Amino acid sequence: MVATTTAVLIGVRLLVLALGILITYYSFEAYRRTGTYYMRNAAIGFGIITLGVFIEGVLFEFGGLDLALVHIIESVAIGLGFVVLLISLRR
């Protein structure tokens, strides 16, 4: 059962990572097209969130860290990304 759960978790995390990369890419392309600061900040915010997803997977699978600790690290990255997105929307 644990192996199945881990396989599903890895699959879902890879899907979220791929979606995050696509969202970051299209946000960056929109920034290049418009040159606006809020699109730049959106690309940065989505990039930070995506990086958090990637870091969590790497630390858990290859770093041997505890699942709770890597979730905390990912949550900090997601929170930071959301702060950047919030700043982008508030200006």
Protein backbone atom coordinates (compact mmCIF):
# COMPACT_ATOMS: atom_id res chain seq x y z
CA MET A 1 0.00 0.00 0.00
CA VAL A 2 2.79 2.45 0.82
CA ALA A 3 4.45 1.90 -2.56
CA THR A 4 1.18 2.63 -4.36
CA THR A 5 0.60 5.78 -2.33
CA THR A 6 4.14 6.96 -3.00
CA ALA A 7 3.75 6.28 -6.74
CA VAL A 8 0.50 8.26 -6.84
CA LEU A 9 2.12 11.10 -4.88
CA ILE A 10 5.05 11.22 -7.30
CA GLY A 11 2.70 11.20 -10.28
CA VAL A 12 0.57 14.01 -8.90
CA ARG A 13 3.63 16.07 -7.96
CA LEU A 14 5.06 15.65 -11.48
CA LEU A 15 1.75 16.81 -12.95
CA VAL A 16 1.68 19.85 -10.65
CA LEU A 17 5.31 20.59 -11.55
CA ALA A 18 4.55 20.40 -15.29
CA LEU A 19 1.52 22.68 -14.89
CA GLY A 20 3.57 25.13 -12.83
CA ILE A 21 6.27 25.24 -15.48
CA LEU A 22 3.67 25.92 -18.17
CA ILE A 23 1.99 28.68 -16.15
CA THR A 24 5.36 30.27 -15.39
CA TYR A 25 6.38 30.07 -19.05
CA TYR A 26 3.17 31.68 -20.31
CA SER A 27 3.35 34.37 -17.62
CA PHE A 28 6.88 35.18 -18.68
CA GLU A 29 5.86 35.27 -22.35
CA ALA A 30 3.03 37.67 -21.44
CA TYR A 31 5.59 39.83 -19.60
CA ARG A 32 7.88 39.87 -22.64
CA ARG A 33 4.97 40.81 -24.87
CA THR A 34 3.56 43.57 -22.63
CA GLY A 35 6.57 44.63 -20.58
CA THR A 36 4.36 45.35 -17.56
CA TYR A 37 5.65 44.96 -14.04
CA TYR A 38 2.62 43.01 -12.85
CA MET A 39 3.16 40.32 -15.49
CA ARG A 40 6.82 40.18 -14.48
CA ASN A 41 5.80 39.74 -10.85
CA ALA A 42 3.24 37.10 -11.83
CA ALA A 43 5.94 35.13 -13.65
CA ILE A 44 8.25 35.43 -10.64
CA GLY A 45 5.48 34.41 -8.21
CA PHE A 46 4.47 31.37 -10.24
CA GLY A 47 8.15 30.48 -10.67
CA ILE A 48 8.71 30.54 -6.91
CA ILE A 49 5.65 28.35 -6.31
CA THR A 50 6.83 25.90 -8.99
CA LEU A 51 10.31 25.87 -7.51
CA GLY A 52 8.79 24.98 -4.13
CA VAL A 53 7.01 21.99 -5.68
CA PHE A 54 10.25 20.87 -7.33
CA ILE A 55 12.34 21.31 -4.19
CA GLU A 56 9.85 19.34 -2.10
CA GLY A 57 9.98 16.39 -4.48
CA VAL A 58 13.77 16.38 -4.70
CA LEU A 59 14.30 16.72 -0.95
CA PHE A 60 11.81 13.98 -0.17
CA GLU A 61 12.91 11.49 -2.81
CA PHE A 62 16.66 12.08 -2.83
CA GLY A 63 17.45 14.11 0.28
CA GLY A 64 16.02 11.63 2.74
CA LEU A 65 14.28 14.36 4.71
CA ASP A 66 11.12 13.81 6.69
CA LEU A 67 7.86 14.38 4.80
CA ALA A 68 6.67 16.99 7.31
CA LEU A 69 9.89 18.99 6.92
CA VAL A 70 9.73 19.04 3.12
CA HIS A 71 6.07 20.09 3.32
CA ILE A 72 7.12 23.01 5.51
CA ILE A 73 9.80 24.00 2.99
CA GLU A 74 7.30 23.78 0.14
CA SER A 75 4.72 25.78 2.11
CA VAL A 76 7.24 28.57 2.70
CA ALA A 77 7.97 28.72 -1.04
CA ILE A 78 4.26 28.72 -1.88
CA GLY A 79 3.63 31.46 0.68
CA LEU A 80 6.46 33.58 -0.74
CA GLY A 81 5.13 33.06 -4.27
CA PHE A 82 1.65 34.11 -3.15
CA VAL A 83 3.10 37.25 -1.54
CA VAL A 84 4.74 38.18 -4.86
CA LEU A 85 1.45 37.52 -6.69
CA LEU A 86 -0.44 39.62 -4.14
CA ILE A 87 1.99 42.50 -4.60
CA SER A 88 1.56 42.16 -8.35
CA LEU A 89 -2.22 42.39 -8.07
CA ARG A 90 -2.29 45.21 -5.51
CA ARG A 91 -0.26 47.74 -7.53
